[in-house]
């Protein structure tokens, strides 16, 4: 799995976060998505790499701006991984 962090300009409140999460779920196959207006970012967990140019276009289409993106491998930690 892949963890992608999108830096986004223009999110100001919890409704902006919800709007962004809904858009990401609609445009890409994701396992998990969480947005933070305070941090100005959206973190996406997915099986495959995201189509960043498409996401950027869709994000701009709803009034926000994709500033940057970064991806890294993601490994889900199980309950028994705690403390290791």
PDB file of N, CA and C in Angstrom:
ATOM      1  N   UNK A   1       0.845  -1.177   0.000  1.00  0.00           N
ATOM      2  CA  UNK A   1       0.000   0.000   0.000  1.00  0.00           C
ATOM      3  C   UNK A   1       0.890   1.241   0.000  1.00  0.00           C
ATOM      4  N   UNK A   2       0.281   2.355  -0.375  1.00  0.00           N
ATOM      5  CA  UNK A   2       1.011   3.607  -0.528  1.00  0.00           C
ATOM      6  C   UNK A   2       0.324   4.701   0.274  1.00  0.00           C
ATOM      7  N   UNK A   3       1.141   5.484   0.983  1.00  0.00           N
ATOM      8  CA  UNK A   3       0.638   6.648   1.718  1.00  0.00           C
ATOM      9  C   UNK A   3       1.049   7.886   0.925  1.00  0.00           C
ATOM     10  N   UNK A   4       0.055   8.661   0.502  1.00  0.00           N
ATOM     11  CA  UNK A   4       0.306   9.877  -0.265  1.00  0.00           C
ATOM     12  C   UNK A   4      -0.171  11.074   0.541  1.00  0.00           C
ATOM     13  N   UNK A   5       0.701  12.058   0.704  1.00  0.00           N
ATOM     14  CA  UNK A   5       0.351  13.284   1.407  1.00  0.00           C
ATOM     15  C   UNK A   5       0.237  14.402   0.382  1.00  0.00           C
ATOM     16  N   UNK A   6      -0.932  15.029   0.351  1.00  0.00           N
ATOM     17  CA  UNK A   6      -1.197  16.132  -0.570  1.00  0.00           C
ATOM     18  C   UNK A   6      -1.259  17.428   0.226  1.00  0.00           C
ATOM     19  N   UNK A   7      -0.414  18.385  -0.096  1.00  0.00           N
ATOM     20  CA  UNK A   7      -0.484  19.711   0.522  1.00  0.00           C
ATOM     21  C   UNK A   7      -1.482  20.521  -0.295  1.00  0.00           C
ATOM     22  N   UNK A   8      -2.505  21.041   0.386  1.00  0.00           N
ATOM     23  CA  UNK A   8      -3.606  21.706  -0.308  1.00  0.00           C
ATOM     24  C   UNK A   8      -3.846  23.086   0.278  1.00  0.00           C
ATOM     25  N   UNK A   9      -3.974  24.065  -0.596  1.00  0.00           N
ATOM     26  CA  UNK A   9      -4.255  25.442  -0.197  1.00  0.00           C
ATOM     27  C   UNK A   9      -5.747  25.715  -0.334  1.00  0.00           C
ATOM     28  N   UNK A  10      -6.322  26.375   0.677  1.00  0.00           N
ATOM     29  CA  UNK A  10      -7.706  26.810   0.573  1.00  0.00           C
ATOM     30  C   UNK A  10      -8.674  26.148   1.528  1.00  0.00           C
ATOM     31  N   UNK A  11      -8.265  25.073   2.208  1.00  0.00           N
ATOM     32  CA  UNK A  11      -9.171  24.445   3.172  1.00  0.00           C
ATOM     33  C   UNK A  11      -9.177  25.285   4.447  1.00  0.00           C
ATOM     34  N   UNK A  12     -10.383  25.611   4.937  1.00  0.00           N
ATOM     35  CA  UNK A  12     -10.474  26.490   6.096  1.00  0.00           C
ATOM     36  C   UNK A  12     -11.262  25.908   7.266  1.00  0.00           C
ATOM     37  N   UNK A  13     -12.044  24.860   7.032  1.00  0.00           N
ATOM     38  CA  UNK A  13     -12.923  24.365   8.097  1.00  0.00           C
ATOM     39  C   UNK A  13     -13.209  22.881   7.919  1.00  0.00           C
ATOM     40  N   UNK A  14     -13.997  22.329   8.832  1.00  0.00           N
ATOM     41  CA  UNK A  14     -14.316  20.901   8.767  1.00  0.00           C
ATOM     42  C   UNK A  14     -15.153  20.555   7.534  1.00  0.00           C
ATOM     43  N   UNK A  15     -15.954  21.485   7.058  1.00  0.00           N
ATOM     44  CA  UNK A  15     -16.719  21.226   5.831  1.00  0.00           C
ATOM     45  C   UNK A  15     -15.784  21.136   4.622  1.00  0.00           C
ATOM     46  N   UNK A  16     -14.734  21.947   4.626  1.00  0.00           N
ATOM     47  CA  UNK A  16     -13.725  21.860   3.556  1.00  0.00           C
ATOM     48  C   UNK A  16     -13.055  20.489   3.591  1.00  0.00           C
ATOM     49  N   UNK A  17     -12.734  20.009   4.796  1.00  0.00           N
ATOM     50  CA  UNK A  17     -12.123  18.685   4.945  1.00  0.00           C
ATOM     51  C   UNK A  17     -13.041  17.600   4.386  1.00  0.00           C
ATOM     52  N   UNK A  18     -14.323  17.662   4.755  1.00  0.00           N
ATOM     53  CA  UNK A  18     -15.299  16.672   4.283  1.00  0.00           C
ATOM     54  C   UNK A  18     -15.451  16.735   2.766  1.00  0.00           C
ATOM     55  N   UNK A  19     -15.489  17.949   2.226  1.00  0.00           N
ATOM     56  CA  UNK A  19     -15.608  18.143   0.778  1.00  0.00           C
ATOM     57  C   UNK A  19     -14.408  17.512   0.060  1.00  0.00           C
ATOM     58  N   UNK A  20     -13.208  17.747   0.603  1.00  0.00           N
ATOM     59  CA  UNK A  20     -11.987  17.193   0.005  1.00  0.00           C
ATOM     60  C   UNK A  20     -11.993  15.664   0.089  1.00  0.00           C
ATOM     61  N   UNK A  21     -12.360  15.117   1.249  1.00  0.00           N
ATOM     62  CA  UNK A  21     -12.405  13.658   1.417  1.00  0.00           C
ATOM     63  C   UNK A  21     -13.369  13.025   0.420  1.00  0.00           C
ATOM     64  N   UNK A  22     -14.544  13.638   0.258  1.00  0.00           N
ATOM     65  CA  UNK A  22     -15.537  13.124  -0.693  1.00  0.00           C
ATOM     66  C   UNK A  22     -14.994  13.143  -2.124  1.00  0.00           C
ATOM     67  N   UNK A  23     -14.318  14.218  -2.494  1.00  0.00           N
ATOM     68  CA  UNK A  23     -13.747  14.326  -3.839  1.00  0.00           C
ATOM     69  C   UNK A  23     -12.706  13.233  -4.076  1.00  0.00           C
ATOM     70  N   UNK A  24     -11.801  13.052  -3.126  1.00  0.00           N
ATOM     71  CA  UNK A  24     -10.741  12.051  -3.277  1.00  0.00           C
ATOM     72  C   UNK A  24     -11.353  10.656  -3.425  1.00  0.00           C
ATOM     73  N   UNK A  25     -12.359  10.355  -2.607  1.00  0.00           N
ATOM     74  CA  UNK A  25     -13.019   9.042  -2.689  1.00  0.00           C
ATOM     75  C   UNK A  25     -13.704   8.841  -4.045  1.00  0.00           C
ATOM     76  N   UNK A  26     -14.231   9.929  -4.604  1.00  0.00           N
ATOM     77  CA  UNK A  26     -14.934   9.855  -5.887  1.00  0.00           C
ATOM     78  C   UNK A  26     -13.960   9.648  -7.055  1.00  0.00           C
ATOM     79  N   UNK A  27     -12.803  10.280  -6.984  1.00  0.00           N
ATOM     80  CA  UNK A  27     -11.856  10.287  -8.098  1.00  0.00           C
ATOM     81  C   UNK A  27     -10.887   9.100  -8.071  1.00  0.00           C
ATOM     82  N   UNK A  28     -10.536   8.618  -6.882  1.00  0.00           N
ATOM     83  CA  UNK A  28      -9.515   7.569  -6.772  1.00  0.00           C
ATOM     84  C   UNK A  28      -9.989   6.418  -5.892  1.00  0.00           C
ATOM     85  N   UNK A  29      -9.444   5.234  -6.155  1.00  0.00           N
ATOM     86  CA  UNK A  29      -9.721   4.079  -5.294  1.00  0.00           C
ATOM     87  C   UNK A  29      -8.811   4.190  -4.081  1.00  0.00           C
ATOM     88  N   UNK A  30      -9.398   4.462  -2.926  1.00  0.00           N
ATOM     89  CA  UNK A  30      -8.602   4.645  -1.717  1.00  0.00           C
ATOM     90  C   UNK A  30      -9.088   3.721  -0.611  1.00  0.00           C
ATOM     91  N   UNK A  31      -8.176   3.384   0.283  1.00  0.00           N
ATOM     92  CA  UNK A  31      -8.518   2.602   1.470  1.00  0.00           C
ATOM     93  C   UNK A  31      -8.939   3.540   2.595  1.00  0.00           C
ATOM     94  N   UNK A  32      -8.232   4.685   2.686  1.00  0.00           N
ATOM     95  CA  UNK A  32      -8.494   5.640   3.760  1.00  0.00           C
ATOM     96  C   UNK A  32      -8.088   7.030   3.283  1.00  0.00           C
ATOM     97  N   UNK A  33      -8.838   8.031   3.714  1.00  0.00           N
ATOM     98  CA  UNK A  33      -8.489   9.416   3.398  1.00  0.00           C
ATOM     99  C   UNK A  33      -8.829  10.284   4.601  1.00  0.00           C
ATOM    100  N   UNK A  34      -7.928  11.192   4.941  1.00  0.00           N
ATOM    101  CA  UNK A  34      -8.144  12.105   6.062  1.00  0.00           C
ATOM    102  C   UNK A  34      -7.556  13.463   5.697  1.00  0.00           C
ATOM    103  N   UNK A  35      -8.375  14.508   5.849  1.00  0.00           N
ATOM    104  CA  UNK A  35      -7.929  15.863   5.541  1.00  0.00           C
ATOM    105  C   UNK A  35      -7.857  16.690   6.811  1.00  0.00           C
ATOM    106  N   UNK A  36      -6.932  17.640   6.825  1.00  0.00           N
ATOM    107  CA  UNK A  36      -6.788  18.566   7.943  1.00  0.00           C
ATOM    108  C   UNK A  36      -6.652  19.982   7.400  1.00  0.00           C
ATOM    109  N   UNK A  37      -7.651  20.811   7.690  1.00  0.00           N
ATOM    110  CA  UNK A  37      -7.587  22.209   7.258  1.00  0.00           C
ATOM    111  C   UNK A  37      -6.457  22.923   7.994  1.00  0.00           C
ATOM    112  N   UNK A  38      -6.286  22.591   9.268  1.00  0.00           N
ATOM    113  CA  UNK A  38      -5.246  23.229  10.080  1.00  0.00           C
ATOM    114  C   UNK A  38      -3.850  22.965   9.511  1.00  0.00           C
ATOM    115  N   UNK A  39      -3.595  21.718   9.129  1.00  0.00           N
ATOM    116  CA  UNK A  39      -2.292  21.350   8.561  1.00  0.00           C
ATOM    117  C   UNK A  39      -2.213  21.662   7.068  1.00  0.00           C
ATOM    118  N   UNK A  40      -3.370  21.878   6.437  1.00  0.00           N
ATOM    119  CA  UNK A  40      -3.398  22.147   5.001  1.00  0.00           C
ATOM    120  C   UNK A  40      -2.996  20.943   4.177  1.00  0.00           C
ATOM    121  N   UNK A  41      -3.436  19.755   4.633  1.00  0.00           N
ATOM    122  CA  UNK A  41      -3.049  18.555   3.902  1.00  0.00           C
ATOM    123  C   UNK A  41      -4.120  17.479   3.948  1.00  0.00           C
ATOM    124  N   UNK A  42      -4.010  16.577   2.994  1.00  0.00           N
ATOM    125  CA  UNK A  42      -4.855  15.390   2.917  1.00  0.00           C
ATOM    126  C   UNK A  42      -3.928  14.193   2.804  1.00  0.00           C
ATOM    127  N   UNK A  43      -4.169  13.190   3.650  1.00  0.00           N
ATOM    128  CA  UNK A  43      -3.370  11.966   3.630  1.00  0.00           C
ATOM    129  C   UNK A  43      -4.248  10.849   3.087  1.00  0.00           C
ATOM    130  N   UNK A  44      -3.735  10.159   2.077  1.00  0.00           N
ATOM    131  CA  UNK A  44      -4.490   9.116   1.391  1.00  0.00           C
ATOM    132  C   UNK A  44      -3.717   7.799   1.469  1.00  0.00           C
ATOM    133  N   UNK A  45      -4.412   6.740   1.868  1.00  0.00           N
ATOM    134  CA  UNK A  45      -3.852   5.389   1.842  1.00  0.00           C
ATOM    135  C   UNK A  45      -4.537   4.657   0.693  1.00  0.00           C
ATOM    136  N   UNK A  46      -3.731   4.118  -0.225  1.00  0.00           N
ATOM    137  CA  UNK A  46      -4.297   3.442  -1.398  1.00  0.00           C
ATOM    138  C   UNK A  46      -3.459   2.221  -1.766  1.00  0.00           C
ATOM    139  N   UNK A  47      -4.069   1.339  -2.532  1.00  0.00           N
ATOM    140  CA  UNK A  47      -3.366   0.144  -3.012  1.00  0.00           C
ATOM    141  C   UNK A  47      -2.386   0.498  -4.127  1.00  0.00           C
ATOM    142  N   UNK A  48      -2.772   1.476  -4.961  1.00  0.00           N
ATOM    143  CA  UNK A  48      -1.969   1.862  -6.118  1.00  0.00           C
ATOM    144  C   UNK A  48      -1.618   3.343  -6.038  1.00  0.00           C
ATOM    145  N   UNK A  49      -0.617   3.746  -6.829  1.00  0.00           N
ATOM    146  CA  UNK A  49      -0.256   5.160  -6.877  1.00  0.00           C
ATOM    147  C   UNK A  49      -1.415   5.970  -7.430  1.00  0.00           C
ATOM    148  N   UNK A  50      -1.570   7.178  -6.900  1.00  0.00           N
ATOM    149  CA  UNK A  50      -2.641   8.065  -7.341  1.00  0.00           C
ATOM    150  C   UNK A  50      -2.244   8.790  -8.620  1.00  0.00           C
ATOM    151  N   UNK A  51      -3.231   9.156  -9.412  1.00  0.00           N
ATOM    152  CA  UNK A  51      -3.022   9.959 -10.616  1.00  0.00           C
ATOM    153  C   UNK A  51      -2.994  11.423 -10.166  1.00  0.00           C
ATOM    154  N   UNK A  52      -1.812  11.913  -9.823  1.00  0.00           N
ATOM    155  CA  UNK A  52      -1.673  13.249  -9.242  1.00  0.00           C
ATOM    156  C   UNK A  52      -2.141  14.353 -10.194  1.00  0.00           C
ATOM    157  N   UNK A  53      -1.793  14.321 -11.490  1.00  0.00           N
ATOM    158  CA  UNK A  53      -2.304  15.372 -12.387  1.00  0.00           C
ATOM    159  C   UNK A  53      -3.837  15.433 -12.415  1.00  0.00           C
ATOM    160  N   UNK A  54      -4.485  14.270 -12.431  1.00  0.00           N
ATOM    161  CA  UNK A  54      -5.948  14.235 -12.412  1.00  0.00           C
ATOM    162  C   UNK A  54      -6.482  14.787 -11.095  1.00  0.00           C
ATOM    163  N   UNK A  55      -5.889  14.364  -9.976  1.00  0.00           N
ATOM    164  CA  UNK A  55      -6.328  14.875  -8.673  1.00  0.00           C
ATOM    165  C   UNK A  55      -6.163  16.390  -8.592  1.00  0.00           C
ATOM    166  N   UNK A  56      -5.027  16.892  -9.072  1.00  0.00           N
ATOM    167  CA  UNK A  56      -4.792  18.335  -9.051  1.00  0.00           C
ATOM    168  C   UNK A  56      -5.860  19.092  -9.820  1.00  0.00           C
ATOM    169  N   UNK A  57      -6.218  18.570 -10.978  1.00  0.00           N
ATOM    170  CA  UNK A  57      -7.257  19.199 -11.809  1.00  0.00           C
ATOM    171  C   UNK A  57      -8.606  19.181 -11.091  1.00  0.00           C
ATOM    172  N   UNK A  58      -8.955  18.034 -10.492  1.00  0.00           N
ATOM    173  CA  UNK A  58     -10.230  17.914  -9.775  1.00  0.00           C
ATOM    174  C   UNK A  58     -10.258  18.809  -8.537  1.00  0.00           C
ATOM    175  N   UNK A  59      -9.141  18.880  -7.821  1.00  0.00           N
ATOM    176  CA  UNK A  59      -9.052  19.721  -6.622  1.00  0.00           C
ATOM    177  C   UNK A  59      -9.241  21.186  -7.004  1.00  0.00           C
ATOM    178  N   UNK A  60      -8.591  21.617  -8.078  1.00  0.00           N
ATOM    179  CA  UNK A  60      -8.759  23.000  -8.543  1.00  0.00           C
ATOM    180  C   UNK A  60     -10.185  23.256  -9.001  1.00  0.00           C
ATOM    181  N   UNK A  61     -10.840  22.224  -9.524  1.00  0.00           N
ATOM    182  CA  UNK A  61     -12.221  22.351  -9.987  1.00  0.00           C
ATOM    183  C   UNK A  61     -13.219  22.651  -8.884  1.00  0.00           C
ATOM    184  N   UNK A  62     -12.859  22.331  -7.627  1.00  0.00           N
ATOM    185  CA  UNK A  62     -13.765  22.640  -6.514  1.00  0.00           C
ATOM    186  C   UNK A  62     -13.257  23.814  -5.672  1.00  0.00           C
ATOM    187  N   UNK A  63     -12.254  24.534  -6.199  1.00  0.00           N
ATOM    188  CA  UNK A  63     -11.845  25.780  -5.571  1.00  0.00           C
ATOM    189  C   UNK A  63     -10.635  25.730  -4.654  1.00  0.00           C
ATOM    190  N   UNK A  64      -9.898  24.625  -4.656  1.00  0.00           N
ATOM    191  CA  UNK A  64      -8.690  24.522  -3.840  1.00  0.00           C
ATOM    192  C   UNK A  64      -7.495  24.407  -4.767  1.00  0.00           C
ATOM    193  N   UNK A  65      -6.294  24.372  -4.186  1.00  0.00           N
ATOM    194  CA  UNK A  65      -5.098  24.278  -5.021  1.00  0.00           C
ATOM    195  C   UNK A  65      -4.136  23.244  -4.444  1.00  0.00           C
ATOM    196  N   UNK A  66      -3.711  22.309  -5.269  1.00  0.00           N
ATOM    197  CA  UNK A  66      -2.731  21.305  -4.870  1.00  0.00           C
ATOM    198  C   UNK A  66      -1.345  21.938  -4.955  1.00  0.00           C
ATOM    199  N   UNK A  67      -0.678  22.067  -3.813  1.00  0.00           N
ATOM    200  CA  UNK A  67       0.634  22.702  -3.768  1.00  0.00           C
ATOM    201  C   UNK A  67       1.762  21.706  -4.010  1.00  0.00           C
ATOM    202  N   UNK A  68       1.651  20.526  -3.402  1.00  0.00           N
ATOM    203  CA  UNK A  68       2.689  19.509  -3.565  1.00  0.00           C
ATOM    204  C   UNK A  68       2.148  18.148  -3.155  1.00  0.00           C
ATOM    205  N   UNK A  69       2.905  17.117  -3.478  1.00  0.00           N
ATOM    206  CA  UNK A  69       2.526  15.761  -3.086  1.00  0.00           C
ATOM    207  C   UNK A  69       3.781  14.963  -2.784  1.00  0.00           C
ATOM    208  N   UNK A  70       3.635  13.985  -1.915  1.00  0.00           N
ATOM    209  CA  UNK A  70       4.729  13.058  -1.628  1.00  0.00           C
ATOM    210  C   UNK A  70       4.129  11.694  -1.327  1.00  0.00           C
ATOM    211  N   UNK A  71       4.843  10.650  -1.723  1.00  0.00           N
ATOM    212  CA  UNK A  71       4.364   9.281  -1.517  1.00  0.00           C
ATOM    213  C   UNK A  71       5.446   8.450  -0.858  1.00  0.00           C
ATOM    214  N   UNK A  72       4.998   7.472  -0.077  1.00  0.00           N
ATOM    215  CA  UNK A  72       5.917   6.541   0.564  1.00  0.00           C
ATOM    216  C   UNK A  72       5.191   5.223   0.780  1.00  0.00           C
ATOM    217  N   UNK A  73       5.928   4.128   0.884  1.00  0.00           N
ATOM    218  CA  UNK A  73       5.275   2.848   1.174  1.00  0.00           C
ATOM    219  C   UNK A  73       4.572   2.919   2.527  1.00  0.00           C
ATOM    220  N   UNK A  74       3.456   2.230   2.633  1.00  0.00           N
ATOM    221  CA  UNK A  74       2.679   2.217   3.875  1.00  0.00           C
ATOM    222  C   UNK A  74       2.453   0.779   4.301  1.00  0.00           C
ATOM    223  N   UNK A  75       2.766   0.511   5.546  1.00  0.00           N
ATOM    224  CA  UNK A  75       2.538  -0.818   6.096  1.00  0.00           C
ATOM    225  C   UNK A  75       1.630  -0.675   7.301  1.00  0.00           C
ATOM    226  N   UNK A  76       0.470  -1.290   7.212  1.00  0.00           N
ATOM    227  CA  UNK A  76      -0.484  -1.234   8.313  1.00  0.00           C
ATOM    228  C   UNK A  76       0.088  -2.000   9.493  1.00  0.00           C
ATOM    229  N   UNK A  77       0.060  -1.354  10.650  1.00  0.00           N
ATOM    230  CA  UNK A  77       0.560  -1.988  11.853  1.00  0.00           C
ATOM    231  C   UNK A  77      -0.595  -2.653  12.585  1.00  0.00           C
ATOM    232  N   UNK A  78      -0.442  -3.903  12.895  1.00  0.00           N
ATOM    233  CA  UNK A  78      -1.481  -4.649  13.600  1.00  0.00           C
ATOM    234  C   UNK A  78      -1.459  -4.373  15.091  1.00  0.00           C
ATOM    235  N   UNK A  79      -2.429  -4.883  15.783  1.00  0.00           N
ATOM    236  CA  UNK A  79      -2.571  -4.699  17.222  1.00  0.00           C
ATOM    237  C   UNK A  79      -1.350  -5.213  17.975  1.00  0.00           C
ATOM    238  N   UNK A  80      -0.781  -6.319  17.539  1.00  0.00           N
ATOM    239  CA  UNK A  80       0.333  -6.920  18.258  1.00  0.00           C
ATOM    240  C   UNK A  80       1.674  -6.299  17.901  1.00  0.00           C
ATOM    241  N   UNK A  81       1.672  -5.298  17.042  1.00  0.00           N
ATOM    242  CA  UNK A  81       2.889  -4.586  16.667  1.00  0.00           C
ATOM    243  C   UNK A  81       3.202  -3.485  17.679  1.00  0.00           C
ATOM    244  N   UNK A  82       2.269  -3.202  18.571  1.00  0.00           N
ATOM    245  CA  UNK A  82       2.413  -2.132  19.557  1.00  0.00           C
ATOM    246  C   UNK A  82       3.652  -2.368  20.419  1.00  0.00           C
ATOM    247  N   UNK A  83       4.458  -1.334  20.577  1.00  0.00           N
ATOM    248  CA  UNK A  83       5.623  -1.402  21.445  1.00  0.00           C
ATOM    249  C   UNK A  83       6.871  -1.975  20.802  1.00  0.00           C
ATOM    250  N   UNK A  84       6.806  -2.355  19.564  1.00  0.00           N
ATOM    251  CA  UNK A  84       7.990  -2.914  18.896  1.00  0.00           C
ATOM    252  C   UNK A  84       8.779  -1.828  18.229  1.00  0.00           C
TER     253      UNK A  84
END
